[in-house]
C-alpha cells in the first residue's frame, strides 16, 4: 500500500467533518458558559481564591456550625463554641460564603437587646486615657466590615479591654468572657484568611 493512498477521499471527508463538529461544539458551549473570567482588574475585595476556600474547608470548617441556603447559593458558618444565649448581650459573627460570586462576607449578629440597637454604638478603654468609640448600622456588608476593622485589633490584645455597648440610655459591658472574645476573634481571623488579608 502506497503512502499516497493513506489519505483517501473518504478519510479526508471524515477528518473535515470531525474538525467542523469539534469547532462548532466549542463555539456552542462557549455561548452557554455563565462563568466569565474577570479581566477588568476590578475584582471584589471580598473575593475568595480556590486555595483559601480549600484551606477553610479542610482545616477550619469543622469548627463551625454550617447552614446551607440553596436558593441564595450561600453557606453560613457560625463558630460552634460561640455564646448561644440569645437573651444576653453578646456580639457574634457569621461568616458567609457566596458560592456564585466566589466571595465571603462577615456579618455581625448582635444578640439580646443589642440586635434592636441601630446604630449599635460601642466604646472601649484599653488603659486609663486610651479610649475609643465606634458605631455601625446593621445593614450592608461594608458597614459590618468597617466595624470589624475597627474592633478586631482590640480582640488580639494581651491586656484586658473594657468594651461596652449602648442600650437605650445605658452602657452595658460586652465581650466580657473569654468564650465570647474567642468566638468573635477566631471568626474574624478565619474570614481574613478567606479573603487573603492574613
Protein backbone atom coordinates (compact mmCIF):
# COMPACT_ATOMS: atom_id res chain seq x y z
CA UNK A 1 0.00 0.00 0.00
CA UNK A 2 1.49 3.34 -1.04
CA UNK A 3 1.74 6.34 1.27
CA UNK A 4 -0.29 8.46 -1.15
CA UNK A 5 -3.25 6.12 -0.63
CA UNK A 6 -3.19 6.70 3.17
CA UNK A 7 -5.37 9.83 2.90
CA UNK A 8 -8.19 8.62 0.76
CA UNK A 9 -11.07 10.98 -0.08
CA UNK A 10 -13.31 9.22 2.47
CA UNK A 11 -10.75 9.68 5.25
CA UNK A 12 -10.28 13.38 4.36
CA UNK A 13 -14.06 13.86 4.46
CA UNK A 14 -14.24 12.23 7.93
CA UNK A 15 -11.41 14.45 9.22
CA UNK A 16 -13.15 17.59 7.88
CA UNK A 17 -16.48 16.58 9.43
CA UNK A 18 -14.83 15.80 12.78
CA UNK A 19 -12.96 19.12 12.74
CA UNK A 20 -16.07 21.12 11.86
CA UNK A 21 -18.16 19.38 14.57
CA UNK A 22 -15.41 19.96 17.17
CA UNK A 23 -15.11 23.66 16.38
CA UNK A 24 -18.91 24.04 16.33
CA UNK A 25 -19.25 22.27 19.68
CA UNK A 26 -16.61 24.51 21.30
CA UNK A 27 -18.33 27.65 19.98
CA UNK A 28 -21.76 26.42 21.09
CA UNK A 29 -20.58 25.58 24.62
CA UNK A 30 -18.80 28.90 24.98
CA UNK A 31 -22.09 30.72 24.34
CA UNK A 32 -23.71 28.99 27.34
CA UNK A 33 -20.84 29.42 29.79
CA UNK A 34 -22.23 31.58 32.62
CA UNK A 35 -18.90 31.84 34.47
CA UNK A 36 -16.83 34.53 32.81
CA UNK A 37 -13.28 35.47 33.59
CA UNK A 38 -12.87 38.85 35.25
CA UNK A 39 -10.21 40.56 33.18
CA UNK A 40 -11.22 44.07 34.17
CA UNK A 41 -8.92 44.28 37.19
CA UNK A 42 -11.87 45.31 39.36
CA UNK A 43 -12.01 42.18 41.50
CA UNK A 44 -14.27 42.33 44.54
CA UNK A 45 -12.29 42.98 47.73
CA UNK A 46 -14.21 40.11 49.32
CA UNK A 47 -13.05 37.63 46.65
CA UNK A 48 -12.08 34.13 47.82
CA UNK A 49 -9.41 32.19 45.95
CA UNK A 50 -9.73 28.46 45.46
CA UNK A 51 -6.69 27.86 47.67
CA UNK A 52 -8.18 29.85 50.56
CA UNK A 53 -11.55 28.13 50.19
CA UNK A 54 -9.90 24.69 50.23
CA UNK A 55 -7.86 25.66 53.30
CA UNK A 56 -11.03 26.75 55.11
CA UNK A 57 -12.97 23.67 54.03
CA UNK A 58 -10.26 21.19 55.00
CA UNK A 59 -8.82 22.77 58.15
CA UNK A 60 -11.26 25.28 59.64
CA UNK A 61 -14.81 24.37 58.60
CA UNK A 62 -15.12 21.61 61.22
CA UNK A 63 -15.04 24.34 63.93
CA UNK A 64 -18.27 25.87 62.64
CA UNK A 65 -21.97 25.11 62.52
CA UNK A 66 -22.85 25.08 58.84
CA UNK A 67 -26.10 26.30 57.33
CA UNK A 68 -26.62 25.99 53.57
CA UNK A 69 -29.05 28.20 51.70
CA UNK A 70 -29.62 26.50 48.34
CA UNK A 71 -31.81 29.22 46.82
CA UNK A 72 -29.33 32.00 47.58
CA UNK A 73 -26.34 29.74 46.86
CA UNK A 74 -24.72 30.82 50.12
CA UNK A 75 -23.23 28.94 53.04
CA UNK A 76 -23.35 30.46 56.53
CA UNK A 77 -20.81 29.42 59.15
CA UNK A 78 -21.11 30.23 62.84
CA UNK A 79 -18.34 29.33 65.27
CA UNK A 80 -19.54 26.28 67.21
CA UNK A 81 -18.11 27.46 70.56
CA UNK A 82 -19.85 30.84 70.45
CA UNK A 83 -22.18 32.06 73.18
CA UNK A 84 -25.61 30.87 72.06
CA UNK A 85 -27.68 32.52 74.78
CA UNK A 86 -29.88 34.86 72.75
CA UNK A 87 -31.10 36.73 75.84
CA UNK A 88 -27.67 38.05 76.84
CA UNK A 89 -25.68 40.96 75.44
CA UNK A 90 -23.46 39.11 73.04
CA UNK A 91 -21.82 40.07 69.75
CA UNK A 92 -21.39 37.04 67.50
CA UNK A 93 -20.32 36.90 63.87
CA UNK A 94 -21.38 34.81 60.90
CA UNK A 95 -19.05 34.02 58.03
CA UNK A 96 -20.98 33.89 54.74
CA UNK A 97 -19.58 32.35 51.57
CA UNK A 98 -21.29 33.25 48.30
CA UNK A 99 -20.66 30.25 46.04
CA UNK A 100 -21.69 32.05 42.83
CA UNK A 101 -19.56 35.19 43.25
CA UNK A 102 -16.61 33.40 44.92
CA UNK A 103 -16.81 35.91 47.74
CA UNK A 104 -17.00 35.86 51.55
CA UNK A 105 -18.70 38.30 53.89
CA UNK A 106 -18.61 38.76 57.64
CA UNK A 107 -21.85 39.77 59.32
CA UNK A 108 -22.11 40.65 62.98
CA UNK A 109 -25.03 39.11 64.84
CA UNK A 110 -25.84 41.07 67.98
CA UNK A 111 -27.84 39.02 70.49
CA UNK A 112 -30.45 40.01 73.05
CA UNK A 113 -31.38 43.68 73.15
CA UNK A 114 -28.25 44.54 71.15
CA UNK A 115 -29.98 43.38 67.96
CA UNK A 116 -32.55 46.15 68.31
CA UNK A 117 -29.93 48.91 68.53
CA UNK A 118 -29.40 50.55 65.17
CA UNK A 119 -26.88 52.05 65.07
CA UNK A 120 -25.05 49.83 67.53
CA UNK A 121 -22.65 52.05 69.46
CA UNK A 122 -19.71 50.69 71.41
CA UNK A 123 -16.91 52.24 73.40
CA UNK A 124 -13.75 50.72 74.79
CA UNK A 125 -10.96 51.52 77.18
CA UNK A 126 -7.60 49.74 76.95
CA UNK A 127 -5.95 51.65 79.77
CA UNK A 128 -6.77 54.88 81.57
CA UNK A 129 -6.80 57.59 78.96
CA UNK A 130 -6.63 55.17 75.98
CA UNK A 131 -10.25 55.13 74.87
CA UNK A 132 -12.16 54.73 71.64
CA UNK A 133 -15.66 54.69 70.28
CA UNK A 134 -17.35 53.31 67.19
CA UNK A 135 -20.77 52.53 65.80
CA UNK A 136 -22.34 50.79 62.85
CA UNK A 137 -25.68 50.50 61.17
CA UNK A 138 -26.80 46.92 60.83
CA UNK A 139 -27.14 46.87 57.09
CA UNK A 140 -24.87 46.09 54.20
CA UNK A 141 -21.66 44.07 54.23
CA UNK A 142 -19.47 47.19 54.02
CA UNK A 143 -20.74 48.62 57.30
CA UNK A 144 -20.15 45.29 59.06
CA UNK A 145 -16.69 45.03 57.52
CA UNK A 146 -15.68 48.57 58.55
CA UNK A 147 -16.86 47.96 62.10
CA UNK A 148 -14.89 44.71 62.33
CA UNK A 149 -11.81 46.54 61.02
CA UNK A 150 -12.10 48.90 63.98
CA UNK A 151 -12.72 46.35 66.74
CA UNK A 152 -10.58 43.41 65.55
CA UNK A 153 -7.32 44.88 66.97
CA UNK A 154 -8.98 45.01 70.41
CA UNK A 155 -9.60 41.25 70.30
CA UNK A 156 -5.91 40.41 69.86
CA UNK A 157 -4.54 42.33 72.82
CA UNK A 158 -2.94 40.50 75.74
CA UNK A 159 -4.16 43.14 78.16
CA UNK A 160 -7.84 43.29 79.11
CA UNK A 161 -10.02 45.78 77.27
CA UNK A 162 -13.30 47.04 78.72
CA UNK A 163 -15.92 47.12 75.94
CA UNK A 164 -19.42 48.49 76.39
CA UNK A 165 -22.43 48.78 74.10
CA UNK A 166 -25.10 51.45 74.34
CA UNK A 167 -28.55 50.01 75.00
CA UNK A 168 -31.14 52.72 75.30
CA UNK A 169 -29.50 55.31 77.52
CA UNK A 170 -27.26 52.85 79.39
CA UNK A 171 -23.83 51.41 78.64
CA UNK A 172 -23.74 47.60 79.07
CA UNK A 173 -20.47 45.59 79.24
CA UNK A 174 -19.97 43.20 76.30
CA UNK A 175 -17.12 40.91 75.27
CA UNK A 176 -16.59 40.10 78.93
CA UNK A 177 -15.95 36.35 78.70
CA UNK A 178 -13.07 34.56 77.02
CA UNK A 179 -15.59 32.41 75.12
CA UNK A 180 -17.27 35.47 73.61
CA UNK A 181 -13.98 37.17 72.70
CA UNK A 182 -12.50 33.99 71.20
CA UNK A 183 -15.61 33.26 69.13
CA UNK A 184 -15.51 36.72 67.56
CA UNK A 185 -11.72 36.83 67.18
CA UNK A 186 -11.42 33.37 65.59
CA UNK A 187 -14.29 34.02 63.17
CA UNK A 188 -12.73 37.33 62.11
CA UNK A 189 -9.31 35.71 61.72
CA UNK A 190 -10.72 32.90 59.56
CA UNK A 191 -12.57 35.50 57.50
CA UNK A 192 -9.40 37.50 56.88
CA UNK A 193 -7.66 34.28 55.81
CA UNK A 194 -10.51 33.52 53.37
CA UNK A 195 -10.25 36.89 51.62
CA UNK A 196 -6.44 36.79 51.62
CA UNK A 197 -5.86 39.50 54.21
CA UNK A 198 -3.82 37.38 56.63
